[in-house]
Amino acid sequence: MVNLISAAKTAVAAYASAISLAGNSSIPYSTTAAAMVELYHPNFTSFTLGAVTVFPDNAFARAAIEANLAQYNNSGLGTDFRYERSRIEAVGGTSAVVWITWRIVPAQRELGGNGGMGKGTGWTFTDVYGFRVPAEGQSGAWEWSNADDEYEKLAENYPGFFS
């Protein structure tokens, strides 16, 4: 039998490690994206503020992640995402819901009209992921995510991101 919670914890650690690559400016976004999509099942589905995006394959997912990282960087916010904590709840023998709280640390000392948030402080947000281990002996991966909190906090803390 699959030890679902252990598999999910392993996926969280691997995903946090992959995302942390984005904070190192000497590592290309393509490397970060490739590491991240290793943890996506085919047809991974992203739900964000009512928008639904299906990533039909890893090539599509890599391109979307690279574009998203470039948007963060080009906005002046940067791509220093840090793992804070997670919570995992099984919802069956092969699936779990995983809440991961991240901290974004702004690259600039002050960001567009947000009250002078200092570099190094940033804010936290929680993304929710659907995790599945398809069969015994296979690696688990994300089937879906909900990033509403990420984008709501982004709009609150850095309104210029969306302009």
N, C-alpha and C. Protein backbone atom coordinates (compact mmCIF):
# COMPACT_ATOMS: atom_id res chain seq x y z
N MET A 1 0.84 -1.19 0.00
CA MET A 1 0.00 0.00 0.00
C MET A 1 0.88 1.24 0.00
N VAL A 2 0.46 2.25 -0.72
CA VAL A 2 1.18 3.52 -0.83
C VAL A 2 1.12 4.26 0.51
N ASN A 3 2.26 4.75 0.98
CA ASN A 3 2.25 5.63 2.14
C ASN A 3 2.03 7.04 1.59
N LEU A 4 0.77 7.39 1.47
CA LEU A 4 0.36 8.62 0.79
C LEU A 4 0.95 9.87 1.44
N ILE A 5 0.87 9.98 2.74
CA ILE A 5 1.36 11.18 3.43
C ILE A 5 2.86 11.32 3.23
N SER A 6 3.58 10.22 3.33
CA SER A 6 5.03 10.27 3.10
C SER A 6 5.34 10.69 1.66
N ALA A 7 4.60 10.14 0.70
CA ALA A 7 4.81 10.50 -0.71
C ALA A 7 4.52 11.98 -0.93
N ALA A 8 3.46 12.48 -0.30
CA ALA A 8 3.11 13.90 -0.45
C ALA A 8 4.18 14.78 0.19
N LYS A 9 4.70 14.39 1.34
CA LYS A 9 5.78 15.16 1.98
C LYS A 9 7.01 15.21 1.09
N THR A 10 7.31 14.10 0.44
CA THR A 10 8.45 14.06 -0.49
C THR A 10 8.21 15.01 -1.65
N ALA A 11 6.99 15.03 -2.18
CA ALA A 11 6.66 15.93 -3.29
C ALA A 11 6.76 17.39 -2.86
N VAL A 12 6.28 17.70 -1.66
CA VAL A 12 6.37 19.07 -1.15
C VAL A 12 7.83 19.50 -1.08
N ALA A 13 8.69 18.65 -0.53
CA ALA A 13 10.11 18.99 -0.40
C ALA A 13 10.76 19.19 -1.78
N ALA A 14 10.43 18.31 -2.72
CA ALA A 14 10.99 18.43 -4.07
C ALA A 14 10.49 19.69 -4.77
N TYR A 15 9.22 20.00 -4.58
CA TYR A 15 8.64 21.20 -5.21
C TYR A 15 9.24 22.46 -4.61
N ALA A 16 9.39 22.49 -3.29
CA ALA A 16 10.02 23.64 -2.64
C ALA A 16 11.44 23.83 -3.13
N SER A 17 12.16 22.74 -3.31
CA SER A 17 13.52 22.82 -3.82
C SER A 17 13.53 23.35 -5.25
N ALA A 18 12.60 22.88 -6.07
CA ALA A 18 12.52 23.35 -7.46
C ALA A 18 12.20 24.84 -7.51
N ILE A 19 11.22 25.27 -6.74
CA ILE A 19 10.82 26.68 -6.76
C ILE A 19 11.93 27.57 -6.21
N SER A 20 12.68 27.07 -5.27
CA SER A 20 13.77 27.89 -4.70
C SER A 20 14.83 28.23 -5.74
N LEU A 21 14.93 27.44 -6.80
CA LEU A 21 15.88 27.74 -7.87
C LEU A 21 15.62 29.11 -8.48
N ALA A 22 14.35 29.52 -8.51
CA ALA A 22 13.98 30.80 -9.13
C ALA A 22 14.61 31.98 -8.42
N GLY A 23 14.94 31.83 -7.14
CA GLY A 23 15.54 32.92 -6.37
C GLY A 23 17.02 33.13 -6.67
N ASN A 24 17.61 32.24 -7.45
CA ASN A 24 19.02 32.35 -7.81
C ASN A 24 19.10 32.88 -9.24
N SER A 25 19.53 34.13 -9.39
CA SER A 25 19.52 34.77 -10.71
C SER A 25 20.46 34.12 -11.71
N SER A 26 21.38 33.27 -11.25
CA SER A 26 22.29 32.61 -12.19
C SER A 26 21.67 31.35 -12.80
N ILE A 27 20.50 30.95 -12.30
CA ILE A 27 19.83 29.76 -12.82
C ILE A 27 18.73 30.19 -13.79
N PRO A 28 18.78 29.71 -15.03
CA PRO A 28 17.76 30.12 -16.01
C PRO A 28 16.35 29.66 -15.58
N TYR A 29 15.35 30.44 -15.95
CA TYR A 29 13.97 30.06 -15.64
C TYR A 29 13.62 28.71 -16.24
N SER A 30 14.23 28.37 -17.37
CA SER A 30 13.95 27.08 -17.99
C SER A 30 14.34 25.92 -17.07
N THR A 31 15.41 26.10 -16.30
CA THR A 31 15.84 25.07 -15.36
C THR A 31 14.84 24.95 -14.21
N THR A 32 14.41 26.10 -13.69
CA THR A 32 13.40 26.09 -12.62
C THR A 32 12.12 25.44 -13.11
N ALA A 33 11.65 25.85 -14.28
CA ALA A 33 10.40 25.32 -14.83
C ALA A 33 10.50 23.82 -15.05
N ALA A 34 11.62 23.35 -15.58
CA ALA A 34 11.79 21.91 -15.82
C ALA A 34 11.73 21.14 -14.51
N ALA A 35 12.33 21.68 -13.46
CA ALA A 35 12.29 21.01 -12.16
C ALA A 35 10.88 21.00 -11.59
N MET A 36 10.15 22.09 -11.77
CA MET A 36 8.78 22.17 -11.26
C MET A 36 7.85 21.18 -11.97
N VAL A 37 7.93 21.11 -13.29
CA VAL A 37 6.98 20.27 -14.03
C VAL A 37 7.24 18.78 -13.84
N GLU A 38 8.38 18.44 -13.30
CA GLU A 38 8.61 17.03 -12.96
C GLU A 38 7.57 16.55 -11.94
N LEU A 39 6.94 17.49 -11.27
CA LEU A 39 5.94 17.15 -10.24
C LEU A 39 4.51 17.42 -10.71
N TYR A 40 4.30 17.52 -12.02
CA TYR A 40 2.97 17.74 -12.57
C TYR A 40 2.54 16.49 -13.34
N HIS A 41 1.33 16.02 -13.06
CA HIS A 41 0.75 14.98 -13.89
C HIS A 41 0.34 15.60 -15.23
N PRO A 42 0.26 14.78 -16.29
CA PRO A 42 -0.29 15.31 -17.55
C PRO A 42 -1.70 15.86 -17.30
N ASN A 43 -2.02 16.91 -18.00
CA ASN A 43 -3.30 17.61 -17.85
C ASN A 43 -3.46 18.27 -16.48
N PHE A 44 -2.33 18.62 -15.87
CA PHE A 44 -2.36 19.40 -14.64
C PHE A 44 -3.28 20.60 -14.89
N THR A 45 -4.12 20.92 -13.92
CA THR A 45 -5.09 22.00 -14.10
C THR A 45 -4.90 23.05 -13.01
N SER A 46 -4.78 24.29 -13.44
CA SER A 46 -4.60 25.42 -12.53
C SER A 46 -5.90 26.22 -12.46
N PHE A 47 -6.34 26.47 -11.23
CA PHE A 47 -7.52 27.30 -10.98
C PHE A 47 -7.04 28.56 -10.28
N THR A 48 -7.31 29.72 -10.88
CA THR A 48 -6.88 30.98 -10.30
C THR A 48 -7.94 32.04 -10.53
N LEU A 49 -8.57 32.47 -9.46
CA LEU A 49 -9.56 33.55 -9.49
C LEU A 49 -10.61 33.32 -10.58
N GLY A 50 -11.07 32.10 -10.71
CA GLY A 50 -12.10 31.77 -11.69
C GLY A 50 -11.59 31.36 -13.05
N ALA A 51 -10.32 31.57 -13.32
CA ALA A 51 -9.73 31.14 -14.59
C ALA A 51 -9.22 29.70 -14.44
N VAL A 52 -9.42 28.91 -15.48
CA VAL A 52 -8.98 27.53 -15.48
C VAL A 52 -8.00 27.34 -16.63
N THR A 53 -6.82 26.82 -16.30
CA THR A 53 -5.82 26.56 -17.32
C THR A 53 -5.38 25.11 -17.20
N VAL A 54 -5.47 24.37 -18.30
CA VAL A 54 -5.03 22.98 -18.34
C VAL A 54 -3.68 22.95 -19.05
N PHE A 55 -2.73 22.30 -18.42
CA PHE A 55 -1.40 22.12 -19.00
C PHE A 55 -1.39 20.72 -19.62
N PRO A 56 -1.60 20.61 -20.93
CA PRO A 56 -1.77 19.28 -21.54
C PRO A 56 -0.52 18.41 -21.48
N ASP A 57 0.65 19.04 -21.41
CA ASP A 57 1.89 18.26 -21.35
C ASP A 57 2.97 19.11 -20.69
N ASN A 58 4.13 18.48 -20.47
CA ASN A 58 5.21 19.18 -19.77
C ASN A 58 5.77 20.36 -20.55
N ALA A 59 5.79 20.28 -21.88
CA ALA A 59 6.31 21.39 -22.68
C ALA A 59 5.45 22.63 -22.49
N PHE A 60 4.13 22.45 -22.50
CA PHE A 60 3.21 23.56 -22.28
C PHE A 60 3.41 24.13 -20.88
N ALA A 61 3.51 23.24 -19.89
CA ALA A 61 3.67 23.66 -18.50
C ALA A 61 4.98 24.44 -18.33
N ARG A 62 6.06 23.95 -18.90
CA ARG A 62 7.36 24.65 -18.79
C ARG A 62 7.26 26.05 -19.36
N ALA A 63 6.67 26.18 -20.54
CA ALA A 63 6.54 27.49 -21.17
C ALA A 63 5.71 28.44 -20.32
N ALA A 64 4.61 27.93 -19.75
CA ALA A 64 3.75 28.77 -18.90
C ALA A 64 4.48 29.21 -17.64
N ILE A 65 5.22 28.31 -17.03
CA ILE A 65 5.97 28.65 -15.81
C ILE A 65 7.06 29.66 -16.12
N GLU A 66 7.80 29.45 -17.20
CA GLU A 66 8.84 30.40 -17.59
C GLU A 66 8.25 31.79 -17.81
N ALA A 67 7.12 31.88 -18.48
CA ALA A 67 6.48 33.18 -18.72
C ALA A 67 6.04 33.82 -17.40
N ASN A 68 5.53 33.01 -16.48
CA ASN A 68 5.10 33.54 -15.19
C ASN A 68 6.29 34.05 -14.39
N LEU A 69 7.40 33.32 -14.38
CA LEU A 69 8.60 33.77 -13.67
C LEU A 69 9.14 35.06 -14.29
N ALA A 70 9.12 35.14 -15.61
CA ALA A 70 9.57 36.36 -16.28
C ALA A 70 8.69 37.54 -15.91
N GLN A 71 7.37 37.31 -15.80
CA GLN A 71 6.45 38.39 -15.41
C GLN A 71 6.79 38.88 -14.00
N TYR A 72 7.01 37.95 -13.08
CA TYR A 72 7.38 38.35 -11.72
C TYR A 72 8.67 39.17 -11.74
N ASN A 73 9.65 38.72 -12.48
CA ASN A 73 10.94 39.41 -12.52
C ASN A 73 10.83 40.76 -13.21
N ASN A 74 10.16 40.81 -14.35
CA ASN A 74 10.03 42.05 -15.11
C ASN A 74 9.22 43.11 -14.37
N SER A 75 8.37 42.68 -13.46
CA SER A 75 7.57 43.62 -12.67
C SER A 75 8.42 44.32 -11.61
N GLY A 76 9.62 43.80 -11.35
CA GLY A 76 10.47 44.34 -10.30
C GLY A 76 10.32 43.59 -8.99
N LEU A 77 9.33 42.73 -8.92
CA LEU A 77 9.09 41.96 -7.70
C LEU A 77 10.17 40.90 -7.49
N GLY A 78 10.57 40.27 -8.57
CA GLY A 78 11.57 39.22 -8.47
C GLY A 78 10.94 37.86 -8.29
N THR A 79 11.80 36.86 -8.13
CA THR A 79 11.33 35.47 -8.09
C THR A 79 11.90 34.71 -6.89
N ASP A 80 12.06 35.40 -5.78
CA ASP A 80 12.57 34.75 -4.57
C ASP A 80 11.39 34.23 -3.75
N PHE A 81 10.99 32.98 -4.02
CA PHE A 81 9.90 32.32 -3.32
C PHE A 81 10.49 31.35 -2.31
N ARG A 82 10.02 31.41 -1.09
CA ARG A 82 10.56 30.56 -0.03
C ARG A 82 9.45 29.74 0.63
N TYR A 83 9.74 28.48 0.81
CA TYR A 83 8.81 27.58 1.48
C TYR A 83 8.70 27.98 2.95
N GLU A 84 7.47 28.06 3.45
CA GLU A 84 7.22 28.37 4.86
C GLU A 84 6.72 27.14 5.63
N ARG A 85 5.66 26.52 5.11
CA ARG A 85 5.07 25.38 5.81
C ARG A 85 4.05 24.71 4.88
N SER A 86 3.61 23.52 5.30
CA SER A 86 2.59 22.82 4.53
C SER A 86 1.70 22.00 5.46
N ARG A 87 0.55 21.66 4.92
CA ARG A 87 -0.40 20.79 5.61
C ARG A 87 -0.93 19.81 4.57
N ILE A 88 -1.02 18.55 4.94
CA ILE A 88 -1.44 17.50 4.01
C ILE A 88 -2.60 16.74 4.64
N GLU A 89 -3.66 16.55 3.84
CA GLU A 89 -4.80 15.74 4.29
C GLU A 89 -5.15 14.75 3.20
N ALA A 90 -5.14 13.47 3.56
CA ALA A 90 -5.55 12.43 2.62
C ALA A 90 -7.04 12.55 2.33
N VAL A 91 -7.40 12.33 1.09
CA VAL A 91 -8.82 12.31 0.71
C VAL A 91 -9.17 11.00 0.00
N GLY A 92 -8.34 10.03 0.18
CA GLY A 92 -8.53 8.70 -0.39
C GLY A 92 -7.22 7.94 -0.26
N GLY A 93 -7.20 6.75 -0.79
CA GLY A 93 -6.00 5.93 -0.69
C GLY A 93 -4.85 6.40 -1.55
N THR A 94 -5.16 7.16 -2.61
CA THR A 94 -4.10 7.60 -3.52
C THR A 94 -4.08 9.11 -3.75
N SER A 95 -4.91 9.86 -3.02
CA SER A 95 -4.93 11.31 -3.26
C SER A 95 -4.98 12.08 -1.95
N ALA A 96 -4.47 13.30 -2.03
CA ALA A 96 -4.43 14.19 -0.86
C ALA A 96 -4.57 15.63 -1.34
N VAL A 97 -5.00 16.47 -0.42
CA VAL A 97 -5.00 17.90 -0.65
C VAL A 97 -3.86 18.46 0.17
N VAL A 98 -3.07 19.34 -0.46
CA VAL A 98 -1.87 19.88 0.18
C VAL A 98 -1.93 21.40 0.14
N TRP A 99 -1.80 22.02 1.30
CA TRP A 99 -1.72 23.46 1.41
C TRP A 99 -0.26 23.81 1.62
N ILE A 100 0.30 24.64 0.74
CA ILE A 100 1.69 25.08 0.90
C ILE A 100 1.70 26.59 1.03
N THR A 101 2.31 27.05 2.11
CA THR A 101 2.47 28.48 2.32
C THR A 101 3.87 28.87 1.89
N TRP A 102 3.92 29.88 1.04
CA TRP A 102 5.16 30.41 0.48
C TRP A 102 5.36 31.84 0.97
N ARG A 103 6.57 32.30 0.98
CA ARG A 103 6.89 33.71 1.22
C ARG A 103 7.56 34.22 -0.04
N ILE A 104 7.11 35.38 -0.51
CA ILE A 104 7.81 36.06 -1.60
C ILE A 104 8.60 37.20 -0.98
N VAL A 105 9.87 37.26 -1.33
CA VAL A 105 10.76 38.30 -0.84
C VAL A 105 11.06 39.23 -2.00
N PRO A 106 10.55 40.47 -1.95
CA PRO A 106 10.71 41.40 -3.07
C PRO A 106 12.17 41.70 -3.39
N ALA A 107 12.44 41.86 -4.67
CA ALA A 107 13.79 42.18 -5.12
C ALA A 107 14.11 43.66 -4.89
N GLN A 108 13.08 44.51 -4.96
CA GLN A 108 13.30 45.95 -4.81
C GLN A 108 13.00 46.38 -3.38
N ARG A 109 13.66 47.43 -2.97
CA ARG A 109 13.45 47.94 -1.61
C ARG A 109 12.02 48.42 -1.40
N GLU A 110 11.48 49.15 -2.36
CA GLU A 110 10.10 49.61 -2.26
C GLU A 110 9.36 49.22 -3.51
N LEU A 111 8.14 48.81 -3.34
CA LEU A 111 7.33 48.37 -4.47
C LEU A 111 6.12 49.27 -4.62
N GLY A 112 5.85 49.65 -5.84
CA GLY A 112 4.76 50.49 -6.27
C GLY A 112 3.61 50.77 -5.32
N GLY A 113 3.75 51.75 -4.48
CA GLY A 113 2.64 52.25 -3.69
C GLY A 113 2.15 51.33 -2.60
N ASN A 114 2.99 50.45 -2.11
CA ASN A 114 2.51 49.54 -1.08
C ASN A 114 2.94 49.95 0.32
N GLY A 115 3.25 51.20 0.50
CA GLY A 115 3.61 51.66 1.83
C GLY A 115 5.07 51.46 2.18
N GLY A 116 5.91 51.26 1.19
CA GLY A 116 7.35 51.16 1.44
C GLY A 116 7.81 49.86 2.07
N MET A 117 7.19 48.76 1.66
CA MET A 117 7.61 47.47 2.18
C MET A 117 9.10 47.30 1.92
N GLY A 118 9.84 46.95 2.93
CA GLY A 118 11.29 46.83 2.79
C GLY A 118 11.71 45.54 2.13
N LYS A 119 12.83 45.60 1.45
CA LYS A 119 13.39 44.40 0.85
C LYS A 119 13.67 43.40 1.97
N GLY A 120 13.37 42.16 1.70
CA GLY A 120 13.64 41.12 2.67
C GLY A 120 12.45 40.79 3.56
N THR A 121 11.38 41.55 3.49
CA THR A 121 10.22 41.24 4.32
C THR A 121 9.21 40.44 3.53
N GLY A 122 8.60 41.04 2.55
CA GLY A 122 7.65 40.34 1.70
C GLY A 122 6.39 39.95 2.42
N TRP A 123 5.73 38.93 1.89
CA TRP A 123 4.47 38.46 2.45
C TRP A 123 4.32 36.98 2.15
N THR A 124 3.37 36.37 2.84
CA THR A 124 3.10 34.95 2.60
C THR A 124 1.78 34.79 1.87
N PHE A 125 1.66 33.67 1.19
CA PHE A 125 0.42 33.27 0.54
C PHE A 125 0.37 31.74 0.55
N THR A 126 -0.83 31.21 0.45
CA THR A 126 -0.99 29.76 0.46
C THR A 126 -1.64 29.30 -0.83
N ASP A 127 -0.95 28.40 -1.52
CA ASP A 127 -1.51 27.73 -2.69
C ASP A 127 -1.97 26.35 -2.25
N VAL A 128 -3.00 25.85 -2.89
CA VAL A 128 -3.56 24.54 -2.56
C VAL A 128 -3.34 23.62 -3.77
N TYR A 129 -2.90 22.39 -3.50
CA TYR A 129 -2.56 21.45 -4.56
C TYR A 129 -3.29 20.13 -4.36
N GLY A 130 -3.68 19.52 -5.46
CA GLY A 130 -4.21 18.16 -5.44
C GLY A 130 -3.08 17.22 -5.79
N PHE A 131 -2.82 16.28 -4.90
CA PHE A 131 -1.71 15.33 -5.06
C PHE A 131 -2.27 13.95 -5.31
N ARG A 132 -1.64 13.21 -6.22
CA ARG A 132 -2.07 11.84 -6.47
C ARG A 132 -0.87 10.94 -6.77
N VAL A 133 -0.93 9.74 -6.19
CA VAL A 133 -0.02 8.66 -6.55
C VAL A 133 -0.85 7.72 -7.41
N PRO A 134 -0.57 7.64 -8.72
CA PRO A 134 -1.46 6.89 -9.62
C PRO A 134 -1.53 5.39 -9.33
N ALA A 135 -0.41 4.79 -8.95
CA ALA A 135 -0.40 3.34 -8.69
C ALA A 135 0.81 2.99 -7.84
N GLU A 136 0.74 1.85 -7.21
CA GLU A 136 1.84 1.37 -6.38
C GLU A 136 3.15 1.41 -7.17
N GLY A 137 4.18 1.95 -6.54
CA GLY A 137 5.49 2.01 -7.17
C GLY A 137 5.71 3.21 -8.07
N GLN A 138 4.68 4.02 -8.29
CA GLN A 138 4.84 5.21 -9.11
C GLN A 138 4.99 6.43 -8.21
N SER A 139 5.61 7.45 -8.75
CA SER A 139 5.78 8.70 -8.00
C SER A 139 4.50 9.50 -8.03
N GLY A 140 4.23 10.16 -6.94
CA GLY A 140 3.09 11.04 -6.89
C GLY A 140 3.42 12.39 -7.50
N ALA A 141 2.38 13.12 -7.87
CA ALA A 141 2.57 14.43 -8.49
C ALA A 141 1.28 15.24 -8.32
N TRP A 142 1.38 16.51 -8.69
CA TRP A 142 0.23 17.41 -8.61
C TRP A 142 -0.71 17.17 -9.78
N GLU A 143 -2.01 17.12 -9.49
CA GLU A 143 -3.03 17.06 -10.54
C GLU A 143 -3.63 18.43 -10.80
N TRP A 144 -3.71 19.24 -9.74
CA TRP A 144 -4.33 20.56 -9.86
C TRP A 144 -3.77 21.48 -8.79
N SER A 145 -4.01 22.77 -9.00
CA SER A 145 -3.66 23.77 -7.97
C SER A 145 -4.71 24.87 -7.97
N ASN A 146 -4.81 25.53 -6.83
CA ASN A 146 -5.64 26.73 -6.71
C ASN A 146 -4.73 27.82 -6.15
N ALA A 147 -4.54 28.89 -6.91
CA ALA A 147 -3.63 29.97 -6.54
C ALA A 147 -4.37 31.27 -6.22
N ASP A 148 -5.64 31.18 -5.82
CA ASP A 148 -6.40 32.39 -5.51
C ASP A 148 -5.70 33.27 -4.47
N ASP A 149 -5.25 32.66 -3.38
CA ASP A 149 -4.62 33.44 -2.32
C ASP A 149 -3.36 34.13 -2.82
N GLU A 150 -2.58 33.44 -3.63
CA GLU A 150 -1.35 34.03 -4.20
C GLU A 150 -1.67 35.32 -4.96
N TYR A 151 -2.68 35.25 -5.83
CA TYR A 151 -2.98 36.41 -6.67
C TYR A 151 -3.74 37.50 -5.92
N GLU A 152 -4.56 37.12 -4.96
CA GLU A 152 -5.21 38.14 -4.12
C GLU A 152 -4.18 38.90 -3.30
N LYS A 153 -3.22 38.20 -2.72
CA LYS A 153 -2.18 38.85 -1.92
C LYS A 153 -1.24 39.66 -2.81
N LEU A 154 -1.00 39.18 -4.02
CA LEU A 154 -0.18 39.91 -4.97
C LEU A 154 -0.84 41.25 -5.31
N ALA A 155 -2.14 41.23 -5.58
CA ALA A 155 -2.86 42.47 -5.89
C ALA A 155 -2.87 43.41 -4.69
N GLU A 156 -2.97 42.87 -3.50
CA GLU A 156 -3.01 43.67 -2.28
C GLU A 156 -1.65 44.30 -1.98
N ASN A 157 -0.58 43.52 -2.15
CA ASN A 157 0.75 43.99 -1.77
C ASN A 157 1.53 44.66 -2.88
N TYR A 158 1.17 44.36 -4.11
CA TYR A 158 1.92 44.91 -5.25
C TYR A 158 0.97 45.12 -6.43
N PRO A 159 0.07 46.12 -6.30
CA PRO A 159 -0.96 46.32 -7.32
C PRO A 159 -0.40 46.55 -8.73
N GLY A 160 0.80 47.07 -8.85
CA GLY A 160 1.39 47.33 -10.16
C GLY A 160 1.70 46.08 -10.95
N PHE A 161 1.68 44.93 -10.31
CA PHE A 161 2.00 43.67 -10.99
C PHE A 161 1.08 43.41 -12.16
N PHE A 162 -0.19 43.77 -12.02
CA PHE A 162 -1.17 43.45 -13.04
C PHE A 162 -1.35 44.55 -14.08
N SER A 163 -0.58 45.62 -13.99
CA SER A 163 -0.77 46.71 -14.97
C SER A 163 0.20 46.60 -16.12
